[in-house]
Amino acid sequence: MYKIGNSKGVRIPKSLLEQVGLTNEVEMIAQSGQLIIRPSYSPREGWEAQFIAMAQAGDDKLLDAEPLTLTEWEANEWEW
């Protein structure tokens, strides 16, 4: 470990970084006496490509695109 101010630094070999898929952004978690370093990700990562693929396949249509048919109770008694 290398002293960096009040912290410590660790050098990780490039081959190991590539093996586990670590790039610039990482998450570090302390758990059960271990330090876990893993790639960080965006919760919506890859969504844009999936939306494009859905549109190309025609799978991006609303499931209930047809107007809803109201029940008699909804049409006459429910206050909208």
PDB file of N, CA and C in Angstrom:
ATOM      1  N   MET A   1       0.840  -1.173   0.000  1.00  0.00           N
ATOM      2  CA  MET A   1       0.000   0.000   0.000  1.00  0.00           C
ATOM      3  C   MET A   1       0.881   1.231   0.000  1.00  0.00           C
ATOM      4  N   TYR A   2       0.371   2.250  -0.653  1.00  0.00           N
ATOM      5  CA  TYR A   2       1.087   3.508  -0.758  1.00  0.00           C
ATOM      6  C   TYR A   2       0.352   4.570   0.042  1.00  0.00           C
ATOM      7  N   LYS A   3       1.092   5.377   0.776  1.00  0.00           N
ATOM      8  CA  LYS A   3       0.478   6.453   1.548  1.00  0.00           C
ATOM      9  C   LYS A   3       0.168   7.610   0.606  1.00  0.00           C
ATOM     10  N   ILE A   4      -1.095   8.050   0.640  1.00  0.00           N
ATOM     11  CA  ILE A   4      -1.546   9.193  -0.152  1.00  0.00           C
ATOM     12  C   ILE A   4      -2.286  10.110   0.820  1.00  0.00           C
ATOM     13  N   GLY A   5      -1.590  11.109   1.351  1.00  0.00           N
ATOM     14  CA  GLY A   5      -2.177  11.972   2.377  1.00  0.00           C
ATOM     15  C   GLY A   5      -2.520  11.128   3.586  1.00  0.00           C
ATOM     16  N   ASN A   6      -3.763  11.210   4.061  1.00  0.00           N
ATOM     17  CA  ASN A   6      -4.213  10.406   5.190  1.00  0.00           C
ATOM     18  C   ASN A   6      -4.790   9.068   4.738  1.00  0.00           C
ATOM     19  N   SER A   7      -4.760   8.810   3.427  1.00  0.00           N
ATOM     20  CA  SER A   7      -5.338   7.588   2.873  1.00  0.00           C
ATOM     21  C   SER A   7      -4.243   6.640   2.424  1.00  0.00           C
ATOM     22  N   LYS A   8      -4.637   5.510   1.887  1.00  0.00           N
ATOM     23  CA  LYS A   8      -3.706   4.529   1.333  1.00  0.00           C
ATOM     24  C   LYS A   8      -4.140   4.220  -0.092  1.00  0.00           C
ATOM     25  N   GLY A   9      -3.173   3.919  -0.944  1.00  0.00           N
ATOM     26  CA  GLY A   9      -3.460   3.566  -2.327  1.00  0.00           C
ATOM     27  C   GLY A   9      -2.941   2.176  -2.641  1.00  0.00           C
ATOM     28  N   VAL A  10      -3.609   1.507  -3.552  1.00  0.00           N
ATOM     29  CA  VAL A  10      -3.215   0.162  -3.971  1.00  0.00           C
ATOM     30  C   VAL A  10      -3.100   0.174  -5.494  1.00  0.00           C
ATOM     31  N   ARG A  11      -2.032  -0.384  -6.025  1.00  0.00           N
ATOM     32  CA  ARG A  11      -1.881  -0.516  -7.473  1.00  0.00           C
ATOM     33  C   ARG A  11      -2.479  -1.850  -7.889  1.00  0.00           C
ATOM     34  N   ILE A  12      -3.322  -1.794  -8.894  1.00  0.00           N
ATOM     35  CA  ILE A  12      -3.956  -3.005  -9.398  1.00  0.00           C
ATOM     36  C   ILE A  12      -3.458  -3.217 -10.825  1.00  0.00           C
ATOM     37  N   PRO A  13      -2.888  -4.378 -11.130  1.00  0.00           N
ATOM     38  CA  PRO A  13      -2.363  -4.625 -12.476  1.00  0.00           C
ATOM     39  C   PRO A  13      -3.443  -4.500 -13.553  1.00  0.00           C
ATOM     40  N   LYS A  14      -3.045  -3.981 -14.713  1.00  0.00           N
ATOM     41  CA  LYS A  14      -3.969  -3.764 -15.822  1.00  0.00           C
ATOM     42  C   LYS A  14      -4.682  -5.052 -16.216  1.00  0.00           C
ATOM     43  N   SER A  15      -3.963  -6.155 -16.250  1.00  0.00           N
ATOM     44  CA  SER A  15      -4.575  -7.432 -16.657  1.00  0.00           C
ATOM     45  C   SER A  15      -5.696  -7.836 -15.700  1.00  0.00           C
ATOM     46  N   LEU A  16      -5.518  -7.574 -14.416  1.00  0.00           N
ATOM     47  CA  LEU A  16      -6.551  -7.890 -13.433  1.00  0.00           C
ATOM     48  C   LEU A  16      -7.755  -6.962 -13.595  1.00  0.00           C
ATOM     49  N   LEU A  17      -7.502  -5.678 -13.848  1.00  0.00           N
ATOM     50  CA  LEU A  17      -8.587  -4.725 -14.083  1.00  0.00           C
ATOM     51  C   LEU A  17      -9.417  -5.142 -15.287  1.00  0.00           C
ATOM     52  N   GLU A  18      -8.751  -5.542 -16.370  1.00  0.00           N
ATOM     53  CA  GLU A  18      -9.454  -5.985 -17.576  1.00  0.00           C
ATOM     54  C   GLU A  18     -10.236  -7.267 -17.327  1.00  0.00           C
ATOM     55  N   GLN A  19      -9.659  -8.162 -16.548  1.00  0.00           N
ATOM     56  CA  GLN A  19     -10.301  -9.448 -16.265  1.00  0.00           C
ATOM     57  C   GLN A  19     -11.642  -9.271 -15.554  1.00  0.00           C
ATOM     58  N   VAL A  20     -11.720  -8.302 -14.649  1.00  0.00           N
ATOM     59  CA  VAL A  20     -12.950  -8.106 -13.888  1.00  0.00           C
ATOM     60  C   VAL A  20     -13.808  -6.964 -14.433  1.00  0.00           C
ATOM     61  N   GLY A  21     -13.352  -6.302 -15.501  1.00  0.00           N
ATOM     62  CA  GLY A  21     -14.147  -5.263 -16.144  1.00  0.00           C
ATOM     63  C   GLY A  21     -14.166  -3.928 -15.432  1.00  0.00           C
ATOM     64  N   LEU A  22     -13.129  -3.632 -14.661  1.00  0.00           N
ATOM     65  CA  LEU A  22     -13.059  -2.338 -13.989  1.00  0.00           C
ATOM     66  C   LEU A  22     -12.520  -1.291 -14.952  1.00  0.00           C
ATOM     67  N   THR A  23     -13.245  -0.178 -15.057  1.00  0.00           N
ATOM     68  CA  THR A  23     -12.791   0.926 -15.903  1.00  0.00           C
ATOM     69  C   THR A  23     -12.570   2.138 -15.017  1.00  0.00           C
ATOM     70  N   ASN A  24     -13.040   3.287 -15.412  1.00  0.00           N
ATOM     71  CA  ASN A  24     -12.804   4.510 -14.637  1.00  0.00           C
ATOM     72  C   ASN A  24     -13.680   4.606 -13.389  1.00  0.00           C
ATOM     73  N   GLU A  25     -14.921   4.200 -13.492  1.00  0.00           N
ATOM     74  CA  GLU A  25     -15.863   4.349 -12.379  1.00  0.00           C
ATOM     75  C   GLU A  25     -16.009   3.032 -11.624  1.00  0.00           C
ATOM     76  N   VAL A  26     -15.852   3.081 -10.301  1.00  0.00           N
ATOM     77  CA  VAL A  26     -16.011   1.883  -9.478  1.00  0.00           C
ATOM     78  C   VAL A  26     -16.840   2.211  -8.244  1.00  0.00           C
ATOM     79  N   GLU A  27     -17.402   1.169  -7.637  1.00  0.00           N
ATOM     80  CA  GLU A  27     -18.058   1.264  -6.336  1.00  0.00           C
ATOM     81  C   GLU A  27     -17.179   0.513  -5.349  1.00  0.00           C
ATOM     82  N   MET A  28     -17.017   1.064  -4.160  1.00  0.00           N
ATOM     83  CA  MET A  28     -16.264   0.381  -3.117  1.00  0.00           C
ATOM     84  C   MET A  28     -17.192   0.168  -1.934  1.00  0.00           C
ATOM     85  N   ILE A  29     -17.211  -1.069  -1.438  1.00  0.00           N
ATOM     86  CA  ILE A  29     -18.109  -1.435  -0.347  1.00  0.00           C
ATOM     87  C   ILE A  29     -17.304  -2.192   0.709  1.00  0.00           C
ATOM     88  N   ALA A  30     -17.489  -1.820   1.959  1.00  0.00           N
ATOM     89  CA  ALA A  30     -16.892  -2.567   3.065  1.00  0.00           C
ATOM     90  C   ALA A  30     -17.947  -3.535   3.572  1.00  0.00           C
ATOM     91  N   GLN A  31     -17.608  -4.840   3.563  1.00  0.00           N
ATOM     92  CA  GLN A  31     -18.589  -5.861   3.954  1.00  0.00           C
ATOM     93  C   GLN A  31     -17.872  -7.040   4.595  1.00  0.00           C
ATOM     94  N   SER A  32     -18.256  -7.357   5.793  1.00  0.00           N
ATOM     95  CA  SER A  32     -17.725  -8.523   6.522  1.00  0.00           C
ATOM     96  C   SER A  32     -16.197  -8.571   6.514  1.00  0.00           C
ATOM     97  N   GLY A  33     -15.562  -7.450   6.821  1.00  0.00           N
ATOM     98  CA  GLY A  33     -14.108  -7.412   6.894  1.00  0.00           C
ATOM     99  C   GLY A  33     -13.419  -7.438   5.540  1.00  0.00           C
ATOM    100  N   GLN A  34     -14.157  -7.213   4.476  1.00  0.00           N
ATOM    101  CA  GLN A  34     -13.587  -7.206   3.132  1.00  0.00           C
ATOM    102  C   GLN A  34     -13.865  -5.870   2.475  1.00  0.00           C
ATOM    103  N   LEU A  35     -12.994  -5.490   1.561  1.00  0.00           N
ATOM    104  CA  LEU A  35     -13.222  -4.323   0.733  1.00  0.00           C
ATOM    105  C   LEU A  35     -13.566  -4.842  -0.654  1.00  0.00           C
ATOM    106  N   ILE A  36     -14.767  -4.546  -1.113  1.00  0.00           N
ATOM    107  CA  ILE A  36     -15.227  -5.021  -2.412  1.00  0.00           C
ATOM    108  C   ILE A  36     -15.181  -3.851  -3.388  1.00  0.00           C
ATOM    109  N   ILE A  37     -14.481  -4.044  -4.484  1.00  0.00           N
ATOM    110  CA  ILE A  37     -14.401  -3.041  -5.543  1.00  0.00           C
ATOM    111  C   ILE A  37     -15.049  -3.653  -6.769  1.00  0.00           C
ATOM    112  N   ARG A  38     -16.077  -2.985  -7.301  1.00  0.00           N
ATOM    113  CA  ARG A  38     -16.760  -3.522  -8.468  1.00  0.00           C
ATOM    114  C   ARG A  38     -17.096  -2.384  -9.423  1.00  0.00           C
ATOM    115  N   PRO A  39     -17.323  -2.719 -10.684  1.00  0.00           N
ATOM    116  CA  PRO A  39     -17.649  -1.659 -11.647  1.00  0.00           C
ATOM    117  C   PRO A  39     -18.944  -0.957 -11.250  1.00  0.00           C
ATOM    118  N   SER A  40     -18.965   0.352 -11.399  1.00  0.00           N
ATOM    119  CA  SER A  40     -20.210   1.060 -11.155  1.00  0.00           C
ATOM    120  C   SER A  40     -21.016   1.042 -12.447  1.00  0.00           C
ATOM    121  N   TYR A  41     -22.306   1.159 -12.307  1.00  0.00           N
ATOM    122  CA  TYR A  41     -23.168   1.154 -13.482  1.00  0.00           C
ATOM    123  C   TYR A  41     -24.325   2.106 -13.240  1.00  0.00           C
ATOM    124  N   SER A  42     -24.885   2.562 -14.316  1.00  0.00           N
ATOM    125  CA  SER A  42     -26.052   3.426 -14.251  1.00  0.00           C
ATOM    126  C   SER A  42     -27.282   2.534 -14.177  1.00  0.00           C
ATOM    127  N   PRO A  43     -28.272   2.862 -13.347  1.00  0.00           N
ATOM    128  CA  PRO A  43     -29.470   2.024 -13.266  1.00  0.00           C
ATOM    129  C   PRO A  43     -30.175   1.859 -14.603  1.00  0.00           C
ATOM    130  N   ARG A  44     -30.012   2.817 -15.511  1.00  0.00           N
ATOM    131  CA  ARG A  44     -30.682   2.750 -16.813  1.00  0.00           C
ATOM    132  C   ARG A  44     -29.692   2.490 -17.946  1.00  0.00           C
ATOM    133  N   GLU A  45     -28.552   1.946 -17.601  1.00  0.00           N
ATOM    134  CA  GLU A  45     -27.521   1.668 -18.595  1.00  0.00           C
ATOM    135  C   GLU A  45     -28.050   0.681 -19.638  1.00  0.00           C
ATOM    136  N   GLY A  46     -27.901   1.021 -20.904  1.00  0.00           N
ATOM    137  CA  GLY A  46     -28.328   0.141 -21.982  1.00  0.00           C
ATOM    138  C   GLY A  46     -29.775   0.325 -22.408  1.00  0.00           C
ATOM    139  N   TRP A  47     -30.528   1.177 -21.724  1.00  0.00           N
ATOM    140  CA  TRP A  47     -31.943   1.354 -22.059  1.00  0.00           C
ATOM    141  C   TRP A  47     -32.120   1.927 -23.463  1.00  0.00           C
ATOM    142  N   GLU A  48     -31.290   2.899 -23.834  1.00  0.00           N
ATOM    143  CA  GLU A  48     -31.460   3.540 -25.138  1.00  0.00           C
ATOM    144  C   GLU A  48     -31.357   2.519 -26.266  1.00  0.00           C
ATOM    145  N   ALA A  49     -30.360   1.647 -26.201  1.00  0.00           N
ATOM    146  CA  ALA A  49     -30.199   0.615 -27.233  1.00  0.00           C
ATOM    147  C   ALA A  49     -31.399  -0.332 -27.241  1.00  0.00           C
ATOM    148  N   GLN A  50     -31.926  -0.660 -26.069  1.00  0.00           N
ATOM    149  CA  GLN A  50     -33.080  -1.546 -25.996  1.00  0.00           C
ATOM    150  C   GLN A  50     -34.327  -0.885 -26.580  1.00  0.00           C
ATOM    151  N   PHE A  51     -34.508   0.416 -26.335  1.00  0.00           N
ATOM    152  CA  PHE A  51     -35.653   1.131 -26.904  1.00  0.00           C
ATOM    153  C   PHE A  51     -35.561   1.187 -28.424  1.00  0.00           C
ATOM    154  N   ILE A  52     -34.362   1.406 -28.941  1.00  0.00           N
ATOM    155  CA  ILE A  52     -34.170   1.430 -30.394  1.00  0.00           C
ATOM    156  C   ILE A  52     -34.507   0.069 -30.983  1.00  0.00           C
ATOM    157  N   ALA A  53     -34.026  -0.995 -30.357  1.00  0.00           N
ATOM    158  CA  ALA A  53     -34.311  -2.353 -30.835  1.00  0.00           C
ATOM    159  C   ALA A  53     -35.807  -2.651 -30.779  1.00  0.00           C
ATOM    160  N   MET A  54     -36.488  -2.207 -29.726  1.00  0.00           N
ATOM    161  CA  MET A  54     -37.932  -2.419 -29.617  1.00  0.00           C
ATOM    162  C   MET A  54     -38.666  -1.705 -30.747  1.00  0.00           C
ATOM    163  N   ALA A  55     -38.271  -0.461 -31.032  1.00  0.00           N
ATOM    164  CA  ALA A  55     -38.924   0.311 -32.095  1.00  0.00           C
ATOM    165  C   ALA A  55     -38.713  -0.357 -33.450  1.00  0.00           C
ATOM    166  N   GLN A  56     -37.507  -0.845 -33.698  1.00  0.00           N
ATOM    167  CA  GLN A  56     -37.213  -1.507 -34.968  1.00  0.00           C
ATOM    168  C   GLN A  56     -38.015  -2.794 -35.128  1.00  0.00           C
ATOM    169  N   ALA A  57     -38.291  -3.465 -34.018  1.00  0.00           N
ATOM    170  CA  ALA A  57     -39.056  -4.714 -34.062  1.00  0.00           C
ATOM    171  C   ALA A  57     -40.567  -4.465 -33.978  1.00  0.00           C
ATOM    172  N   GLY A  58     -40.970  -3.212 -33.795  1.00  0.00           N
ATOM    173  CA  GLY A  58     -42.392  -2.900 -33.674  1.00  0.00           C
ATOM    174  C   GLY A  58     -42.976  -3.268 -32.330  1.00  0.00           C
ATOM    175  N   ASP A  59     -42.127  -3.447 -31.328  1.00  0.00           N
ATOM    176  CA  ASP A  59     -42.582  -3.848 -29.993  1.00  0.00           C
ATOM    177  C   ASP A  59     -42.754  -2.662 -29.049  1.00  0.00           C
ATOM    178  N   ASP A  60     -42.852  -1.457 -29.585  1.00  0.00           N
ATOM    179  CA  ASP A  60     -42.951  -0.282 -28.727  1.00  0.00           C
ATOM    180  C   ASP A  60     -44.350   0.337 -28.744  1.00  0.00           C
ATOM    181  N   LYS A  61     -45.341  -0.447 -29.094  1.00  0.00           N
ATOM    182  CA  LYS A  61     -46.721   0.035 -29.135  1.00  0.00           C
ATOM    183  C   LYS A  61     -47.377  -0.162 -27.769  1.00  0.00           C
ATOM    184  N   LEU A  62     -48.338   0.718 -27.440  1.00  0.00           N
ATOM    185  CA  LEU A  62     -49.070   0.577 -26.187  1.00  0.00           C
ATOM    186  C   LEU A  62     -49.913  -0.685 -26.227  1.00  0.00           C
ATOM    187  N   LEU A  63     -49.967  -1.383 -25.138  1.00  0.00           N
ATOM    188  CA  LEU A  63     -50.761  -2.608 -25.071  1.00  0.00           C
ATOM    189  C   LEU A  63     -52.253  -2.311 -25.038  1.00  0.00           C
ATOM    190  N   ASP A  64     -52.620  -1.176 -24.484  1.00  0.00           N
ATOM    191  CA  ASP A  64     -54.036  -0.827 -24.392  1.00  0.00           C
ATOM    192  C   ASP A  64     -54.320   0.428 -25.223  1.00  0.00           C
ATOM    193  N   ALA A  65     -53.849   0.435 -26.463  1.00  0.00           N
ATOM    194  CA  ALA A  65     -54.011   1.603 -27.324  1.00  0.00           C
ATOM    195  C   ALA A  65     -55.473   1.832 -27.708  1.00  0.00           C
ATOM    196  N   GLU A  66     -56.280   0.785 -27.694  1.00  0.00           N
ATOM    197  CA  GLU A  66     -57.702   0.931 -28.010  1.00  0.00           C
ATOM    198  C   GLU A  66     -58.388   1.669 -26.876  1.00  0.00           C
ATOM    199  N   PRO A  67     -59.392   2.527 -27.197  1.00  0.00           N
ATOM    200  CA  PRO A  67     -60.107   3.204 -26.111  1.00  0.00           C
ATOM    201  C   PRO A  67     -60.788   2.191 -25.191  1.00  0.00           C
ATOM    202  N   LEU A  68     -60.772   2.480 -23.936  1.00  0.00           N
ATOM    203  CA  LEU A  68     -61.389   1.585 -22.963  1.00  0.00           C
ATOM    204  C   LEU A  68     -62.906   1.666 -23.058  1.00  0.00           C
ATOM    205  N   THR A  69     -63.553   0.549 -22.890  1.00  0.00           N
ATOM    206  CA  THR A  69     -65.007   0.514 -22.835  1.00  0.00           C
ATOM    207  C   THR A  69     -65.413   0.619 -21.378  1.00  0.00           C
ATOM    208  N   LEU A  70     -66.190   1.631 -21.068  1.00  0.00           N
ATOM    209  CA  LEU A  70     -66.613   1.838 -19.686  1.00  0.00           C
ATOM    210  C   LEU A  70     -67.720   0.863 -19.328  1.00  0.00           C
ATOM    211  N   THR A  71     -67.701   0.421 -18.095  1.00  0.00           N
ATOM    212  CA  THR A  71     -68.816  -0.383 -17.603  1.00  0.00           C
ATOM    213  C   THR A  71     -70.010   0.546 -17.393  1.00  0.00           C
ATOM    214  N   GLU A  72     -71.172  -0.022 -17.227  1.00  0.00           N
ATOM    215  CA  GLU A  72     -72.367   0.794 -17.007  1.00  0.00           C
ATOM    216  C   GLU A  72     -72.216   1.640 -15.739  1.00  0.00           C
ATOM    217  N   TRP A  73     -71.669   1.042 -14.700  1.00  0.00           N
ATOM    218  CA  TRP A  73     -71.459   1.770 -13.456  1.00  0.00           C
ATOM    219  C   TRP A  73     -70.501   2.940 -13.668  1.00  0.00           C
ATOM    220  N   GLU A  74     -69.382   2.704 -14.389  1.00  0.00           N
ATOM    221  CA  GLU A  74     -68.421   3.778 -14.641  1.00  0.00           C
ATOM    222  C   GLU A  74     -69.047   4.905 -15.468  1.00  0.00           C
ATOM    223  N   ALA A  75     -69.851   4.523 -16.461  1.00  0.00           N
ATOM    224  CA  ALA A  75     -70.445   5.527 -17.350  1.00  0.00           C
ATOM    225  C   ALA A  75     -71.525   6.343 -16.638  1.00  0.00           C
ATOM    226  N   ASN A  76     -72.297   5.731 -15.751  1.00  0.00           N
ATOM    227  CA  ASN A  76     -73.452   6.419 -15.186  1.00  0.00           C
ATOM    228  C   ASN A  76     -73.305   6.877 -13.745  1.00  0.00           C
ATOM    229  N   GLU A  77     -72.521   6.185 -12.947  1.00  0.00           N
ATOM    230  CA  GLU A  77     -72.489   6.499 -11.527  1.00  0.00           C
ATOM    231  C   GLU A  77     -71.175   7.119 -11.049  1.00  0.00           C
ATOM    232  N   TRP A  78     -70.110   6.819 -11.698  1.00  0.00           N
ATOM    233  CA  TRP A  78     -68.799   7.325 -11.278  1.00  0.00           C
ATOM    234  C   TRP A  78     -68.667   8.785 -11.691  1.00  0.00           C
ATOM    235  N   GLU A  79     -68.148   9.605 -10.782  1.00  0.00           N
ATOM    236  CA  GLU A  79     -67.921  11.007 -11.093  1.00  0.00           C
ATOM    237  C   GLU A  79     -66.468  11.156 -11.525  1.00  0.00           C
ATOM    238  N   TRP A  80     -66.279  11.523 -12.752  1.00  0.00           N
ATOM    239  CA  TRP A  80     -64.927  11.694 -13.309  1.00  0.00           C
ATOM    240  C   TRP A  80     -64.408  13.052 -13.011  1.00  0.00           C
TER     241      TRP A  80
END
